[in-house]
Amino acid sequence: MLVCEVTGNVWATKKEQSLVGLKLMVVKELNKAEHSFVAADVVGAGIGETVLVATGSTARKAISEREPSVDAAIVGIIDSLEVDMQSVSGNR
């Protein structure tokens, strides 16, 4: 799973049938500010929230049994996050 921030919404009036009814959001990885992508939102996240994003087949399973054309899904809203910066940067 990835830790991301929700940065925007996606509206698409014409889309593949399996995407109908899905809320699509733009997210960016917290440690890779230049990497943004679209994720289906199954938990009701909003812009500015920190979220957990599942990718690949796990993302499709989080949405439903219908196998939508999705490779990323917001599966959790993070209330609190604690990170040991020495571990992240490799300086122990």
C-alpha atoms as a PDB file:
ATOM      1  CA  MET A   1       0.000   0.000   0.000  1.00  0.00           C
ATOM      2  CA  LEU A   2       1.005   3.593  -0.591  1.00  0.00           C
ATOM      3  CA  VAL A   3       0.576   6.634   1.645  1.00  0.00           C
ATOM      4  CA  CYS A   4      -0.806   9.457  -0.491  1.00  0.00           C
ATOM      5  CA  GLU A   5      -2.491  12.852  -0.327  1.00  0.00           C
ATOM      6  CA  VAL A   6      -5.688  13.519  -2.269  1.00  0.00           C
ATOM      7  CA  THR A   7      -5.065  16.518  -4.529  1.00  0.00           C
ATOM      8  CA  GLY A   8      -8.090  16.632  -6.825  1.00  0.00           C
ATOM      9  CA  ASN A   9     -11.185  15.128  -8.448  1.00  0.00           C
ATOM     10  CA  VAL A  10     -11.623  13.542 -11.864  1.00  0.00           C
ATOM     11  CA  TRP A  11     -14.849  13.906 -13.840  1.00  0.00           C
ATOM     12  CA  ALA A  12     -15.387  11.733 -16.900  1.00  0.00           C
ATOM     13  CA  THR A  13     -18.838  11.634 -18.465  1.00  0.00           C
ATOM     14  CA  LYS A  14     -17.763   8.982 -20.974  1.00  0.00           C
ATOM     15  CA  LYS A  15     -15.927   6.022 -19.513  1.00  0.00           C
ATOM     16  CA  GLU A  16     -15.659   2.237 -19.589  1.00  0.00           C
ATOM     17  CA  GLN A  17     -18.801   0.614 -18.166  1.00  0.00           C
ATOM     18  CA  SER A  18     -17.042  -0.878 -15.101  1.00  0.00           C
ATOM     19  CA  LEU A  19     -16.081   2.652 -13.962  1.00  0.00           C
ATOM     20  CA  VAL A  20     -19.675   3.932 -13.860  1.00  0.00           C
ATOM     21  CA  GLY A  21     -20.551   4.920 -10.294  1.00  0.00           C
ATOM     22  CA  LEU A  22     -16.969   5.097  -9.067  1.00  0.00           C
ATOM     23  CA  LYS A  23     -15.594   8.316  -7.543  1.00  0.00           C
ATOM     24  CA  LEU A  24     -12.185   9.029  -9.090  1.00  0.00           C
ATOM     25  CA  MET A  25      -9.596  11.152  -7.271  1.00  0.00           C
ATOM     26  CA  VAL A  26      -6.113  12.452  -8.098  1.00  0.00           C
ATOM     27  CA  VAL A  27      -3.566  11.413  -5.466  1.00  0.00           C
ATOM     28  CA  LYS A  28       0.173  11.890  -5.013  1.00  0.00           C
ATOM     29  CA  GLU A  29       2.562   9.741  -3.028  1.00  0.00           C
ATOM     30  CA  LEU A  30       3.798  11.596   0.052  1.00  0.00           C
ATOM     31  CA  ASN A  31       7.439  10.695  -0.540  1.00  0.00           C
ATOM     32  CA  LYS A  32       7.265  11.324  -4.311  1.00  0.00           C
ATOM     33  CA  ALA A  33       5.605  14.712  -4.756  1.00  0.00           C
ATOM     34  CA  GLU A  34       6.095  14.606  -8.538  1.00  0.00           C
ATOM     35  CA  HIS A  35       4.196  11.312  -8.928  1.00  0.00           C
ATOM     36  CA  SER A  36       0.423  11.867  -9.201  1.00  0.00           C
ATOM     37  CA  PHE A  37      -2.099   9.301 -10.412  1.00  0.00           C
ATOM     38  CA  VAL A  38      -5.825   8.522 -10.382  1.00  0.00           C
ATOM     39  CA  ALA A  39      -7.358   6.202  -7.785  1.00  0.00           C
ATOM     40  CA  ALA A  40     -10.937   5.019  -7.308  1.00  0.00           C
ATOM     41  CA  ASP A  41     -12.252   6.145  -3.921  1.00  0.00           C
ATOM     42  CA  VAL A  42     -14.206   3.538  -1.951  1.00  0.00           C
ATOM     43  CA  VAL A  43     -14.104   5.275   1.451  1.00  0.00           C
ATOM     44  CA  GLY A  44     -15.283   8.837   0.764  1.00  0.00           C
ATOM     45  CA  ALA A  45     -11.969  10.688   0.964  1.00  0.00           C
ATOM     46  CA  GLY A  46     -11.722  14.404   0.303  1.00  0.00           C
ATOM     47  CA  ILE A  47      -9.144  16.776  -1.128  1.00  0.00           C
ATOM     48  CA  GLY A  48      -6.270  17.370   1.298  1.00  0.00           C
ATOM     49  CA  GLU A  49      -6.716  14.110   3.212  1.00  0.00           C
ATOM     50  CA  THR A  50      -3.923  11.600   3.710  1.00  0.00           C
ATOM     51  CA  VAL A  51      -5.016   8.171   2.487  1.00  0.00           C
ATOM     52  CA  LEU A  52      -3.953   4.557   2.022  1.00  0.00           C
ATOM     53  CA  VAL A  53      -3.945   3.440  -1.607  1.00  0.00           C
ATOM     54  CA  ALA A  54      -3.949  -0.190  -2.713  1.00  0.00           C
ATOM     55  CA  THR A  55      -2.649  -0.964  -6.188  1.00  0.00           C
ATOM     56  CA  GLY A  56      -2.911  -3.775  -8.725  1.00  0.00           C
ATOM     57  CA  SER A  57      -5.293  -6.679  -8.270  1.00  0.00           C
ATOM     58  CA  THR A  58      -5.759  -5.747  -4.603  1.00  0.00           C
ATOM     59  CA  ALA A  59      -7.294  -2.442  -5.713  1.00  0.00           C
ATOM     60  CA  ARG A  60      -9.825  -4.218  -7.920  1.00  0.00           C
ATOM     61  CA  LYS A  61     -10.812  -6.549  -5.084  1.00  0.00           C
ATOM     62  CA  ALA A  62     -11.345  -3.573  -2.747  1.00  0.00           C
ATOM     63  CA  ILE A  63     -13.967  -2.156  -5.092  1.00  0.00           C
ATOM     64  CA  SER A  64     -16.172  -5.162  -5.815  1.00  0.00           C
ATOM     65  CA  GLU A  65     -16.452  -8.534  -7.433  1.00  0.00           C
ATOM     66  CA  ARG A  66     -17.141  -6.998 -10.855  1.00  0.00           C
ATOM     67  CA  GLU A  67     -13.435  -6.528 -11.766  1.00  0.00           C
ATOM     68  CA  PRO A  68     -13.417  -2.836 -12.758  1.00  0.00           C
ATOM     69  CA  SER A  69     -10.706  -1.332 -14.967  1.00  0.00           C
ATOM     70  CA  VAL A  70      -8.816   0.095 -11.987  1.00  0.00           C
ATOM     71  CA  ASP A  71      -5.233  -0.319 -10.805  1.00  0.00           C
ATOM     72  CA  ALA A  72      -5.385   1.961  -7.720  1.00  0.00           C
ATOM     73  CA  ALA A  73      -8.026   2.379  -5.005  1.00  0.00           C
ATOM     74  CA  ILE A  74      -8.242   4.577  -1.922  1.00  0.00           C
ATOM     75  CA  VAL A  75      -8.977   2.050   0.828  1.00  0.00           C
ATOM     76  CA  GLY A  76      -8.424   4.082   3.998  1.00  0.00           C
ATOM     77  CA  ILE A  77      -8.272   7.606   5.387  1.00  0.00           C
ATOM     78  CA  ILE A  78      -5.301   8.118   7.717  1.00  0.00           C
ATOM     79  CA  ASP A  79      -6.110   9.847  11.010  1.00  0.00           C
ATOM     80  CA  SER A  80      -2.543   9.951  12.289  1.00  0.00           C
ATOM     81  CA  LEU A  81       0.854   9.040  10.890  1.00  0.00           C
ATOM     82  CA  GLU A  82       4.139   8.741  12.759  1.00  0.00           C
ATOM     83  CA  VAL A  83       7.359   8.287  10.794  1.00  0.00           C
ATOM     84  CA  ASP A  84      10.907   7.818  12.079  1.00  0.00           C
ATOM     85  CA  MET A  85      12.779  10.059   9.632  1.00  0.00           C
ATOM     86  CA  GLN A  86      16.117   8.390  10.430  1.00  0.00           C
ATOM     87  CA  SER A  87      14.721   5.049   9.233  1.00  0.00           C
ATOM     88  CA  VAL A  88      13.247   6.613   6.113  1.00  0.00           C
ATOM     89  CA  SER A  89      16.467   8.310   5.049  1.00  0.00           C
ATOM     90  CA  GLY A  90      18.615   5.318   5.950  1.00  0.00           C
ATOM     91  CA  ASN A  91      20.615   7.206   8.587  1.00  0.00           C
ATOM     92  CA  ARG A  92      20.679   4.956  11.611  1.00  0.00           C
END
